[in-house]
Amino acid sequence: QGLSRQFQVQGIPAVKAFYQGKVAGEFTGALPEPQVRTFLEGLI
């Protein structure tokens, strides 16, 4: 629960992507696979 408070998780599932120690992107809710792919392609 400490991590949830630290990163202000209000609802789940909550996805937060980290790169070089910082949050680089995030979304909340069960997105369909094509949208998840788009999210990942913006990070990699």
ModelCIF file with pLDDT and N, C-alpha, C, O atoms, coordinates in Angstrom:
data_MODEL
#
_entry.id   MODEL 
#
_entity.id                         1 
_entity.type                       polymer 
_entity.pdbx_number_of_molecules   1 
#
_entity_poly.entity_id                      1 
_entity_poly.type                           'polypeptide(L)' 
_entity_poly.nstd_linkage                   no 
_entity_poly.nstd_monomer                   no 
_entity_poly.pdbx_seq_one_letter_code       QGLSRQFQVQGIPAVKAFYQGKVAGEFTGALPEPQVRTFLEGLI 
_entity_poly.pdbx_seq_one_letter_code_can   QGLSRQFQVQGIPAVKAFYQGKVAGEFTGALPEPQVRTFLEGLI 
_entity_poly.pdbx_strand_id                 A 
#
loop_
_entity_poly_seq.entity_id 
_entity_poly_seq.num 
_entity_poly_seq.mon_id 
_entity_poly_seq.hetero 
1 1  GLN n 
1 2  GLY n 
1 3  LEU n 
1 4  SER n 
1 5  ARG n 
1 6  GLN n 
1 7  PHE n 
1 8  GLN n 
1 9  VAL n 
1 10 GLN n 
1 11 GLY n 
1 12 ILE n 
1 13 PRO n 
1 14 ALA n 
1 15 VAL n 
1 16 LYS n 
1 17 ALA n 
1 18 PHE n 
1 19 TYR n 
1 20 GLN n 
1 21 GLY n 
1 22 LYS n 
1 23 VAL n 
1 24 ALA n 
1 25 GLY n 
1 26 GLU n 
1 27 PHE n 
1 28 THR n 
1 29 GLY n 
1 30 ALA n 
1 31 LEU n 
1 32 PRO n 
1 33 GLU n 
1 34 PRO n 
1 35 GLN n 
1 36 VAL n 
1 37 ARG n 
1 38 THR n 
1 39 PHE n 
1 40 LEU n 
1 41 GLU n 
1 42 GLY n 
1 43 LEU n 
1 44 ILE n 
#
_struct_asym.id          A 
_struct_asym.entity_id   1 
#
loop_
_ma_qa_metric.id 
_ma_qa_metric.mode 
_ma_qa_metric.name 
_ma_qa_metric.software_group_id 
_ma_qa_metric.type 
1 global pLDDT . pLDDT 
2 local  pLDDT . pLDDT 
#
_ma_qa_metric_global.metric_id      1 
_ma_qa_metric_global.metric_value   92.61 
_ma_qa_metric_global.model_id       1 
_ma_qa_metric_global.ordinal_id     1 
#
loop_
_ma_qa_metric_local.label_asym_id 
_ma_qa_metric_local.label_comp_id 
_ma_qa_metric_local.label_seq_id 
_ma_qa_metric_local.metric_id 
_ma_qa_metric_local.metric_value 
_ma_qa_metric_local.model_id 
_ma_qa_metric_local.ordinal_id 
A GLN 1  2 93.00 1 1  
A GLY 2  2 93.00 1 2  
A LEU 3  2 94.00 1 3  
A SER 4  2 92.00 1 4  
A ARG 5  2 93.00 1 5  
A GLN 6  2 93.00 1 6  
A PHE 7  2 93.00 1 7  
A GLN 8  2 91.00 1 8  
A VAL 9  2 93.00 1 9  
A GLN 10 2 90.00 1 10 
A GLY 11 2 93.00 1 11 
A ILE 12 2 96.00 1 12 
A PRO 13 2 96.00 1 13 
A ALA 14 2 96.00 1 14 
A VAL 15 2 97.00 1 15 
A LYS 16 2 96.00 1 16 
A ALA 17 2 95.00 1 17 
A PHE 18 2 95.00 1 18 
A TYR 19 2 89.00 1 19 
A GLN 20 2 82.00 1 20 
A GLY 21 2 88.00 1 21 
A LYS 22 2 89.00 1 22 
A VAL 23 2 93.00 1 23 
A ALA 24 2 91.00 1 24 
A GLY 25 2 93.00 1 25 
A GLU 26 2 95.00 1 26 
A PHE 27 2 96.00 1 27 
A THR 28 2 95.00 1 28 
A GLY 29 2 95.00 1 29 
A ALA 30 2 95.00 1 30 
A LEU 31 2 95.00 1 31 
A PRO 32 2 95.00 1 32 
A GLU 33 2 95.00 1 33 
A PRO 34 2 95.00 1 34 
A GLN 35 2 96.00 1 35 
A VAL 36 2 95.00 1 36 
A ARG 37 2 93.00 1 37 
A THR 38 2 92.00 1 38 
A PHE 39 2 94.00 1 39 
A LEU 40 2 92.00 1 40 
A GLU 41 2 87.00 1 41 
A GLY 42 2 86.00 1 42 
A LEU 43 2 87.00 1 43 
A ILE 44 2 83.00 1 44 
#
loop_
_atom_site.group_PDB 
_atom_site.id 
_atom_site.type_symbol 
_atom_site.label_atom_id 
_atom_site.label_alt_id 
_atom_site.label_comp_id 
_atom_site.label_asym_id 
_atom_site.label_entity_id 
_atom_site.label_seq_id 
_atom_site.pdbx_PDB_ins_code 
_atom_site.Cartn_x 
_atom_site.Cartn_y 
_atom_site.Cartn_z 
_atom_site.occupancy 
_atom_site.B_iso_or_equiv 
_atom_site.pdbx_formal_charge 
_atom_site.auth_seq_id 
_atom_site.auth_comp_id 
_atom_site.auth_asym_id 
_atom_site.auth_atom_id 
_atom_site.pdbx_PDB_model_num 
ATOM 1   N N  . GLN A 1 1  ? 0.813  -1.216 0.000   1.00 93.00 ? 1  GLN A N  1 
ATOM 2   C CA . GLN A 1 1  ? 0.000  0.000  0.000   1.00 93.00 ? 1  GLN A CA 1 
ATOM 3   C C  . GLN A 1 1  ? 0.850  1.271  0.000   1.00 93.00 ? 1  GLN A C  1 
ATOM 4   O O  . GLN A 1 1  ? 0.404  2.324  -0.456  1.00 93.00 ? 1  GLN A O  1 
ATOM 5   N N  . GLY A 1 2  ? 2.064  1.165  0.509   1.00 93.00 ? 2  GLY A N  1 
ATOM 6   C CA . GLY A 1 2  ? 2.945  2.330  0.503   1.00 93.00 ? 2  GLY A CA 1 
ATOM 7   C C  . GLY A 1 2  ? 3.286  2.764  -0.910  1.00 93.00 ? 2  GLY A C  1 
ATOM 8   O O  . GLY A 1 2  ? 3.339  3.959  -1.197  1.00 93.00 ? 2  GLY A O  1 
ATOM 9   N N  . LEU A 1 3  ? 3.519  1.798  -1.801  1.00 94.00 ? 3  LEU A N  1 
ATOM 10  C CA . LEU A 1 3  ? 3.808  2.125  -3.195  1.00 94.00 ? 3  LEU A CA 1 
ATOM 11  C C  . LEU A 1 3  ? 2.592  2.746  -3.866  1.00 94.00 ? 3  LEU A C  1 
ATOM 12  O O  . LEU A 1 3  ? 2.723  3.670  -4.670  1.00 94.00 ? 3  LEU A O  1 
ATOM 13  N N  . SER A 1 4  ? 1.419  2.242  -3.537  1.00 92.00 ? 4  SER A N  1 
ATOM 14  C CA . SER A 1 4  ? 0.188  2.804  -4.104  1.00 92.00 ? 4  SER A CA 1 
ATOM 15  C C  . SER A 1 4  ? 0.028  4.262  -3.710  1.00 92.00 ? 4  SER A C  1 
ATOM 16  O O  . SER A 1 4  ? -0.344 5.098  -4.533  1.00 92.00 ? 4  SER A O  1 
ATOM 17  N N  . ARG A 1 5  ? 0.312  4.565  -2.445  1.00 93.00 ? 5  ARG A N  1 
ATOM 18  C CA . ARG A 1 5  ? 0.218  5.963  -1.999  1.00 93.00 ? 5  ARG A CA 1 
ATOM 19  C C  . ARG A 1 5  ? 1.301  6.818  -2.645  1.00 93.00 ? 5  ARG A C  1 
ATOM 20  O O  . ARG A 1 5  ? 1.046  7.942  -3.078  1.00 93.00 ? 5  ARG A O  1 
ATOM 21  N N  . GLN A 1 6  ? 2.513  6.272  -2.704  1.00 93.00 ? 6  GLN A N  1 
ATOM 22  C CA . GLN A 1 6  ? 3.628  7.035  -3.251  1.00 93.00 ? 6  GLN A CA 1 
ATOM 23  C C  . GLN A 1 6  ? 3.375  7.461  -4.689  1.00 93.00 ? 6  GLN A C  1 
ATOM 24  O O  . GLN A 1 6  ? 3.716  8.577  -5.082  1.00 93.00 ? 6  GLN A O  1 
ATOM 25  N N  . PHE A 1 7  ? 2.774  6.568  -5.475  1.00 93.00 ? 7  PHE A N  1 
ATOM 26  C CA . PHE A 1 7  ? 2.558  6.863  -6.890  1.00 93.00 ? 7  PHE A CA 1 
ATOM 27  C C  . PHE A 1 7  ? 1.104  7.218  -7.198  1.00 93.00 ? 7  PHE A C  1 
ATOM 28  O O  . PHE A 1 7  ? 0.669  7.198  -8.350  1.00 93.00 ? 7  PHE A O  1 
ATOM 29  N N  . GLN A 1 8  ? 0.357  7.548  -6.123  1.00 91.00 ? 8  GLN A N  1 
ATOM 30  C CA . GLN A 1 8  ? -0.995 8.099  -6.243  1.00 91.00 ? 8  GLN A CA 1 
ATOM 31  C C  . GLN A 1 8  ? -1.894 7.232  -7.123  1.00 91.00 ? 8  GLN A C  1 
ATOM 32  O O  . GLN A 1 8  ? -2.570 7.724  -8.027  1.00 91.00 ? 8  GLN A O  1 
ATOM 33  N N  . VAL A 1 9  ? -1.883 5.939  -6.839  1.00 93.00 ? 9  VAL A N  1 
ATOM 34  C CA . VAL A 1 9  ? -2.746 5.014  -7.566  1.00 93.00 ? 9  VAL A CA 1 
ATOM 35  C C  . VAL A 1 9  ? -4.167 5.162  -7.031  1.00 93.00 ? 9  VAL A C  1 
ATOM 36  O O  . VAL A 1 9  ? -4.437 4.824  -5.878  1.00 93.00 ? 9  VAL A O  1 
ATOM 37  N N  . GLN A 1 10 ? -5.068 5.663  -7.859  1.00 90.00 ? 10 GLN A N  1 
ATOM 38  C CA . GLN A 1 10 ? -6.461 5.907  -7.459  1.00 90.00 ? 10 GLN A CA 1 
ATOM 39  C C  . GLN A 1 10 ? -7.376 4.763  -7.834  1.00 90.00 ? 10 GLN A C  1 
ATOM 40  O O  . GLN A 1 10 ? -8.357 4.499  -7.139  1.00 90.00 ? 10 GLN A O  1 
ATOM 41  N N  . GLY A 1 11 ? -7.069 4.082  -8.922  1.00 93.00 ? 11 GLY A N  1 
ATOM 42  C CA . GLY A 1 11 ? -7.876 2.954  -9.376  1.00 93.00 ? 11 GLY A CA 1 
ATOM 43  C C  . GLY A 1 11 ? -6.980 1.925  -10.024 1.00 93.00 ? 11 GLY A C  1 
ATOM 44  O O  . GLY A 1 11 ? -5.884 2.247  -10.483 1.00 93.00 ? 11 GLY A O  1 
ATOM 45  N N  . ILE A 1 12 ? -7.448 0.673  -10.065 1.00 96.00 ? 12 ILE A N  1 
ATOM 46  C CA . ILE A 1 12 ? -6.647 -0.401 -10.668 1.00 96.00 ? 12 ILE A CA 1 
ATOM 47  C C  . ILE A 1 12 ? -7.496 -1.137 -11.706 1.00 96.00 ? 12 ILE A C  1 
ATOM 48  O O  . ILE A 1 12 ? -8.724 -1.152 -11.626 1.00 96.00 ? 12 ILE A O  1 
ATOM 49  N N  . PRO A 1 13 ? -6.810 -1.750 -12.689 1.00 96.00 ? 13 PRO A N  1 
ATOM 50  C CA . PRO A 1 13 ? -5.361 -1.778 -12.865 1.00 96.00 ? 13 PRO A CA 1 
ATOM 51  C C  . PRO A 1 13 ? -4.823 -0.402 -13.260 1.00 96.00 ? 13 PRO A C  1 
ATOM 52  O O  . PRO A 1 13 ? -5.437 0.331  -14.036 1.00 96.00 ? 13 PRO A O  1 
ATOM 53  N N  . ALA A 1 14 ? -3.670 -0.081 -12.709 1.00 96.00 ? 14 ALA A N  1 
ATOM 54  C CA . ALA A 1 14 ? -2.967 1.152  -13.062 1.00 96.00 ? 14 ALA A CA 1 
ATOM 55  C C  . ALA A 1 14 ? -1.589 0.757  -13.572 1.00 96.00 ? 14 ALA A C  1 
ATOM 56  O O  . ALA A 1 14 ? -0.870 0.002  -12.918 1.00 96.00 ? 14 ALA A O  1 
ATOM 57  N N  . VAL A 1 15 ? -1.231 1.263  -14.727 1.00 97.00 ? 15 VAL A N  1 
ATOM 58  C CA . VAL A 1 15 ? 0.055  0.937  -15.341 1.00 97.00 ? 15 VAL A CA 1 
ATOM 59  C C  . VAL A 1 15 ? 0.896  2.204  -15.427 1.00 97.00 ? 15 VAL A C  1 
ATOM 60  O O  . VAL A 1 15 ? 0.459  3.220  -15.967 1.00 97.00 ? 15 VAL A O  1 
ATOM 61  N N  . LYS A 1 16 ? 2.105  2.128  -14.888 1.00 96.00 ? 16 LYS A N  1 
ATOM 62  C CA . LYS A 1 16 ? 3.044  3.251  -14.944 1.00 96.00 ? 16 LYS A CA 1 
ATOM 63  C C  . LYS A 1 16 ? 4.366  2.737  -15.491 1.00 96.00 ? 16 LYS A C  1 
ATOM 64  O O  . LYS A 1 16 ? 4.946  1.791  -14.959 1.00 96.00 ? 16 LYS A O  1 
ATOM 65  N N  . ALA A 1 17 ? 4.830  3.365  -16.551 1.00 95.00 ? 17 ALA A N  1 
ATOM 66  C CA . ALA A 1 17 ? 6.085  2.957  -17.176 1.00 95.00 ? 17 ALA A CA 1 
ATOM 67  C C  . ALA A 1 17 ? 7.208  3.873  -16.702 1.00 95.00 ? 17 ALA A C  1 
ATOM 68  O O  . ALA A 1 17 ? 7.060  5.095  -16.695 1.00 95.00 ? 17 ALA A O  1 
ATOM 69  N N  . PHE A 1 18 ? 8.324  3.280  -16.310 1.00 95.00 ? 18 PHE A N  1 
ATOM 70  C CA . PHE A 1 18 ? 9.481  4.025  -15.825 1.00 95.00 ? 18 PHE A CA 1 
ATOM 71  C C  . PHE A 1 18 ? 10.628 3.874  -16.820 1.00 95.00 ? 18 PHE A C  1 
ATOM 72  O O  . PHE A 1 18 ? 10.895 2.788  -17.335 1.00 95.00 ? 18 PHE A O  1 
ATOM 73  N N  . TYR A 1 19 ? 11.301 5.005  -17.074 1.00 89.00 ? 19 TYR A N  1 
ATOM 74  C CA . TYR A 1 19 ? 12.515 4.973  -17.889 1.00 89.00 ? 19 TYR A CA 1 
ATOM 75  C C  . TYR A 1 19 ? 13.489 5.992  -17.326 1.00 89.00 ? 19 TYR A C  1 
ATOM 76  O O  . TYR A 1 19 ? 13.141 7.151  -17.105 1.00 89.00 ? 19 TYR A O  1 
ATOM 77  N N  . GLN A 1 20 ? 14.714 5.539  -17.098 1.00 82.00 ? 20 GLN A N  1 
ATOM 78  C CA . GLN A 1 20 ? 15.761 6.366  -16.500 1.00 82.00 ? 20 GLN A CA 1 
ATOM 79  C C  . GLN A 1 20 ? 15.301 6.959  -15.165 1.00 82.00 ? 20 GLN A C  1 
ATOM 80  O O  . GLN A 1 20 ? 15.574 8.117  -14.847 1.00 82.00 ? 20 GLN A O  1 
ATOM 81  N N  . GLY A 1 21 ? 14.595 6.123  -14.398 1.00 88.00 ? 21 GLY A N  1 
ATOM 82  C CA . GLY A 1 21 ? 14.215 6.480  -13.039 1.00 88.00 ? 21 GLY A CA 1 
ATOM 83  C C  . GLY A 1 21 ? 12.981 7.341  -12.899 1.00 88.00 ? 21 GLY A C  1 
ATOM 84  O O  . GLY A 1 21 ? 12.613 7.709  -11.783 1.00 88.00 ? 21 GLY A O  1 
ATOM 85  N N  . LYS A 1 22 ? 12.325 7.675  -14.011 1.00 89.00 ? 22 LYS A N  1 
ATOM 86  C CA . LYS A 1 22 ? 11.160 8.559  -13.954 1.00 89.00 ? 22 LYS A CA 1 
ATOM 87  C C  . LYS A 1 22 ? 9.973  7.944  -14.665 1.00 89.00 ? 22 LYS A C  1 
ATOM 88  O O  . LYS A 1 22 ? 10.135 7.091  -15.538 1.00 89.00 ? 22 LYS A O  1 
ATOM 89  N N  . VAL A 1 23 ? 8.763  8.384  -14.285 1.00 93.00 ? 23 VAL A N  1 
ATOM 90  C CA . VAL A 1 23 ? 7.555  7.916  -14.959 1.00 93.00 ? 23 VAL A CA 1 
ATOM 91  C C  . VAL A 1 23 ? 7.552  8.490  -16.373 1.00 93.00 ? 23 VAL A C  1 
ATOM 92  O O  . VAL A 1 23 ? 7.571  9.706  -16.560 1.00 93.00 ? 23 VAL A O  1 
ATOM 93  N N  . ALA A 1 24 ? 7.527  7.593  -17.373 1.00 91.00 ? 24 ALA A N  1 
ATOM 94  C CA . ALA A 1 24 ? 7.579  8.013  -18.775 1.00 91.00 ? 24 ALA A CA 1 
ATOM 95  C C  . ALA A 1 24 ? 6.233  7.887  -19.471 1.00 91.00 ? 24 ALA A C  1 
ATOM 96  O O  . ALA A 1 24 ? 6.077  8.339  -20.605 1.00 91.00 ? 24 ALA A O  1 
ATOM 97  N N  . GLY A 1 25 ? 5.263  7.279  -18.805 1.00 93.00 ? 25 GLY A N  1 
ATOM 98  C CA . GLY A 1 25 ? 3.932  7.108  -19.384 1.00 93.00 ? 25 GLY A CA 1 
ATOM 99  C C  . GLY A 1 25 ? 3.062  6.307  -18.430 1.00 93.00 ? 25 GLY A C  1 
ATOM 100 O O  . GLY A 1 25 ? 3.572  5.583  -17.575 1.00 93.00 ? 25 GLY A O  1 
ATOM 101 N N  . GLU A 1 26 ? 1.752  6.436  -18.575 1.00 95.00 ? 26 GLU A N  1 
ATOM 102 C CA . GLU A 1 26 ? 0.848  5.712  -17.676 1.00 95.00 ? 26 GLU A CA 1 
ATOM 103 C C  . GLU A 1 26 ? -0.557 5.646  -18.259 1.00 95.00 ? 26 GLU A C  1 
ATOM 104 O O  . GLU A 1 26 ? -0.937 6.458  -19.102 1.00 95.00 ? 26 GLU A O  1 
ATOM 105 N N  . PHE A 1 27 ? -1.322 4.655  -17.787 1.00 96.00 ? 27 PHE A N  1 
ATOM 106 C CA . PHE A 1 27 ? -2.750 4.589  -18.096 1.00 96.00 ? 27 PHE A CA 1 
ATOM 107 C C  . PHE A 1 27 ? -3.443 3.794  -17.002 1.00 96.00 ? 27 PHE A C  1 
ATOM 108 O O  . PHE A 1 27 ? -2.806 3.060  -16.246 1.00 96.00 ? 27 PHE A O  1 
ATOM 109 N N  . THR A 1 28 ? -4.741 3.951  -16.935 1.00 95.00 ? 28 THR A N  1 
ATOM 110 C CA . THR A 1 28 ? -5.559 3.239  -15.939 1.00 95.00 ? 28 THR A CA 1 
ATOM 111 C C  . THR A 1 28 ? -6.668 2.496  -16.663 1.00 95.00 ? 28 THR A C  1 
ATOM 112 O O  . THR A 1 28 ? -7.270 3.013  -17.605 1.00 95.00 ? 28 THR A O  1 
ATOM 113 N N  . GLY A 1 29 ? -6.931 1.275  -16.211 1.00 95.00 ? 29 GLY A N  1 
ATOM 114 C CA . GLY A 1 29 ? -8.008 0.482  -16.804 1.00 95.00 ? 29 GLY A CA 1 
ATOM 115 C C  . GLY A 1 29 ? -7.486 -0.606 -17.720 1.00 95.00 ? 29 GLY A C  1 
ATOM 116 O O  . GLY A 1 29 ? -6.325 -0.596 -18.129 1.00 95.00 ? 29 GLY A O  1 
ATOM 117 N N  . ALA A 1 30 ? -8.369 -1.549 -18.034 1.00 95.00 ? 30 ALA A N  1 
ATOM 118 C CA . ALA A 1 30 ? -7.997 -2.690 -18.872 1.00 95.00 ? 30 ALA A CA 1 
ATOM 119 C C  . ALA A 1 30 ? -8.145 -2.326 -20.340 1.00 95.00 ? 30 ALA A C  1 
ATOM 120 O O  . ALA A 1 30 ? -9.180 -2.590 -20.953 1.00 95.00 ? 30 ALA A O  1 
ATOM 121 N N  . LEU A 1 31 ? -7.107 -1.721 -20.899 1.00 95.00 ? 31 LEU A N  1 
ATOM 122 C CA . LEU A 1 31 ? -7.144 -1.348 -22.314 1.00 95.00 ? 31 LEU A CA 1 
ATOM 123 C C  . LEU A 1 31 ? -7.065 -2.591 -23.198 1.00 95.00 ? 31 LEU A C  1 
ATOM 124 O O  . LEU A 1 31 ? -6.474 -3.595 -22.801 1.00 95.00 ? 31 LEU A O  1 
ATOM 125 N N  . PRO A 1 32 ? -7.657 -2.533 -24.398 1.00 95.00 ? 32 PRO A N  1 
ATOM 126 C CA . PRO A 1 32 ? -7.501 -3.651 -25.333 1.00 95.00 ? 32 PRO A CA 1 
ATOM 127 C C  . PRO A 1 32 ? -6.060 -3.763 -25.821 1.00 95.00 ? 32 PRO A C  1 
ATOM 128 O O  . PRO A 1 32 ? -5.302 -2.794 -25.777 1.00 95.00 ? 32 PRO A O  1 
ATOM 129 N N  . GLU A 1 33 ? -5.696 -4.937 -26.279 1.00 95.00 ? 33 GLU A N  1 
ATOM 130 C CA . GLU A 1 33 ? -4.306 -5.201 -26.665 1.00 95.00 ? 33 GLU A CA 1 
ATOM 131 C C  . GLU A 1 33 ? -3.739 -4.207 -27.682 1.00 95.00 ? 33 GLU A C  1 
ATOM 132 O O  . GLU A 1 33 ? -2.600 -3.773 -27.506 1.00 95.00 ? 33 GLU A O  1 
ATOM 133 N N  . PRO A 1 34 ? -4.477 -3.816 -28.747 1.00 95.00 ? 34 PRO A N  1 
ATOM 134 C CA . PRO A 1 34 ? -3.883 -2.852 -29.692 1.00 95.00 ? 34 PRO A CA 1 
ATOM 135 C C  . PRO A 1 34 ? -3.477 -1.538 -29.031 1.00 95.00 ? 34 PRO A C  1 
ATOM 136 O O  . PRO A 1 34 ? -2.454 -0.959 -29.394 1.00 95.00 ? 34 PRO A O  1 
ATOM 137 N N  . GLN A 1 35 ? -4.261 -1.059 -28.068 1.00 96.00 ? 35 GLN A N  1 
ATOM 138 C CA . GLN A 1 35 ? -3.918 0.184  -27.384 1.00 96.00 ? 35 GLN A CA 1 
ATOM 139 C C  . GLN A 1 35 ? -2.716 -0.004 -26.458 1.00 96.00 ? 35 GLN A C  1 
ATOM 140 O O  . GLN A 1 35 ? -1.895 0.899  -26.297 1.00 96.00 ? 35 GLN A O  1 
ATOM 141 N N  . VAL A 1 36 ? -2.626 -1.191 -25.853 1.00 95.00 ? 36 VAL A N  1 
ATOM 142 C CA . VAL A 1 36 ? -1.468 -1.470 -25.005 1.00 95.00 ? 36 VAL A CA 1 
ATOM 143 C C  . VAL A 1 36 ? -0.201 -1.516 -25.857 1.00 95.00 ? 36 VAL A C  1 
ATOM 144 O O  . VAL A 1 36 ? 0.846  -1.016 -25.446 1.00 95.00 ? 36 VAL A O  1 
ATOM 145 N N  . ARG A 1 37 ? -0.298 -2.117 -27.044 1.00 93.00 ? 37 ARG A N  1 
ATOM 146 C CA . ARG A 1 37 ? 0.847  -2.153 -27.951 1.00 93.00 ? 37 ARG A CA 1 
ATOM 147 C C  . ARG A 1 37 ? 1.306  -0.739 -28.316 1.00 93.00 ? 37 ARG A C  1 
ATOM 148 O O  . ARG A 1 37 ? 2.501  -0.444 -28.309 1.00 93.00 ? 37 ARG A O  1 
ATOM 149 N N  . THR A 1 38 ? 0.346  0.126  -28.634 1.00 92.00 ? 38 THR A N  1 
ATOM 150 C CA . THR A 1 38 ? 0.678  1.502  -28.980 1.00 92.00 ? 38 THR A CA 1 
ATOM 151 C C  . THR A 1 38 ? 1.393  2.193  -27.829 1.00 92.00 ? 38 THR A C  1 
ATOM 152 O O  . THR A 1 38 ? 2.365  2.919  -28.031 1.00 92.00 ? 38 THR A O  1 
ATOM 153 N N  . PHE A 1 39 ? 0.896  1.955  -26.615 1.00 94.00 ? 39 PHE A N  1 
ATOM 154 C CA . PHE A 1 39 ? 1.519  2.519  -25.419 1.00 94.00 ? 39 PHE A CA 1 
ATOM 155 C C  . PHE A 1 39 ? 2.968  2.048  -25.297 1.00 94.00 ? 39 PHE A C  1 
ATOM 156 O O  . PHE A 1 39 ? 3.861  2.853  -25.035 1.00 94.00 ? 39 PHE A O  1 
ATOM 157 N N  . LEU A 1 40 ? 3.203  0.763  -25.483 1.00 92.00 ? 40 LEU A N  1 
ATOM 158 C CA . LEU A 1 40 ? 4.542  0.202  -25.345 1.00 92.00 ? 40 LEU A CA 1 
ATOM 159 C C  . LEU A 1 40 ? 5.486  0.708  -26.428 1.00 92.00 ? 40 LEU A C  1 
ATOM 160 O O  . LEU A 1 40 ? 6.652  0.991  -26.155 1.00 92.00 ? 40 LEU A O  1 
ATOM 161 N N  . GLU A 1 41 ? 4.989  0.823  -27.648 1.00 87.00 ? 41 GLU A N  1 
ATOM 162 C CA . GLU A 1 41 ? 5.844  1.264  -28.746 1.00 87.00 ? 41 GLU A CA 1 
ATOM 163 C C  . GLU A 1 41 ? 6.347  2.689  -28.533 1.00 87.00 ? 41 GLU A C  1 
ATOM 164 O O  . GLU A 1 41 ? 7.402  3.064  -29.045 1.00 87.00 ? 41 GLU A O  1 
ATOM 165 N N  . GLY A 1 42 ? 5.582  3.485  -27.767 1.00 86.00 ? 42 GLY A N  1 
ATOM 166 C CA . GLY A 1 42 ? 6.030  4.829  -27.455 1.00 86.00 ? 42 GLY A CA 1 
ATOM 167 C C  . GLY A 1 42 ? 7.115  4.869  -26.400 1.00 86.00 ? 42 GLY A C  1 
ATOM 168 O O  . GLY A 1 42 ? 7.750  5.905  -26.203 1.00 86.00 ? 42 GLY A O  1 
ATOM 169 N N  . LEU A 1 43 ? 7.337  3.752  -25.718 1.00 87.00 ? 43 LEU A N  1 
ATOM 170 C CA . LEU A 1 43 ? 8.320  3.687  -24.635 1.00 87.00 ? 43 LEU A CA 1 
ATOM 171 C C  . LEU A 1 43 ? 9.636  3.052  -25.046 1.00 87.00 ? 43 LEU A C  1 
ATOM 172 O O  . LEU A 1 43 ? 10.704 3.447  -24.579 1.00 87.00 ? 43 LEU A O  1 
ATOM 173 N N  . ILE A 1 44 ? 9.547  2.073  -25.914 1.00 83.00 ? 44 ILE A N  1 
ATOM 174 C CA . ILE A 1 44 ? 10.707 1.244  -26.206 1.00 83.00 ? 44 ILE A CA 1 
ATOM 175 C C  . ILE A 1 44 ? 11.669 1.981  -27.128 1.00 83.00 ? 44 ILE A C  1 
ATOM 176 O O  . ILE A 1 44 ? 12.714 1.439  -27.489 1.00 83.00 ? 44 ILE A O  1 
#
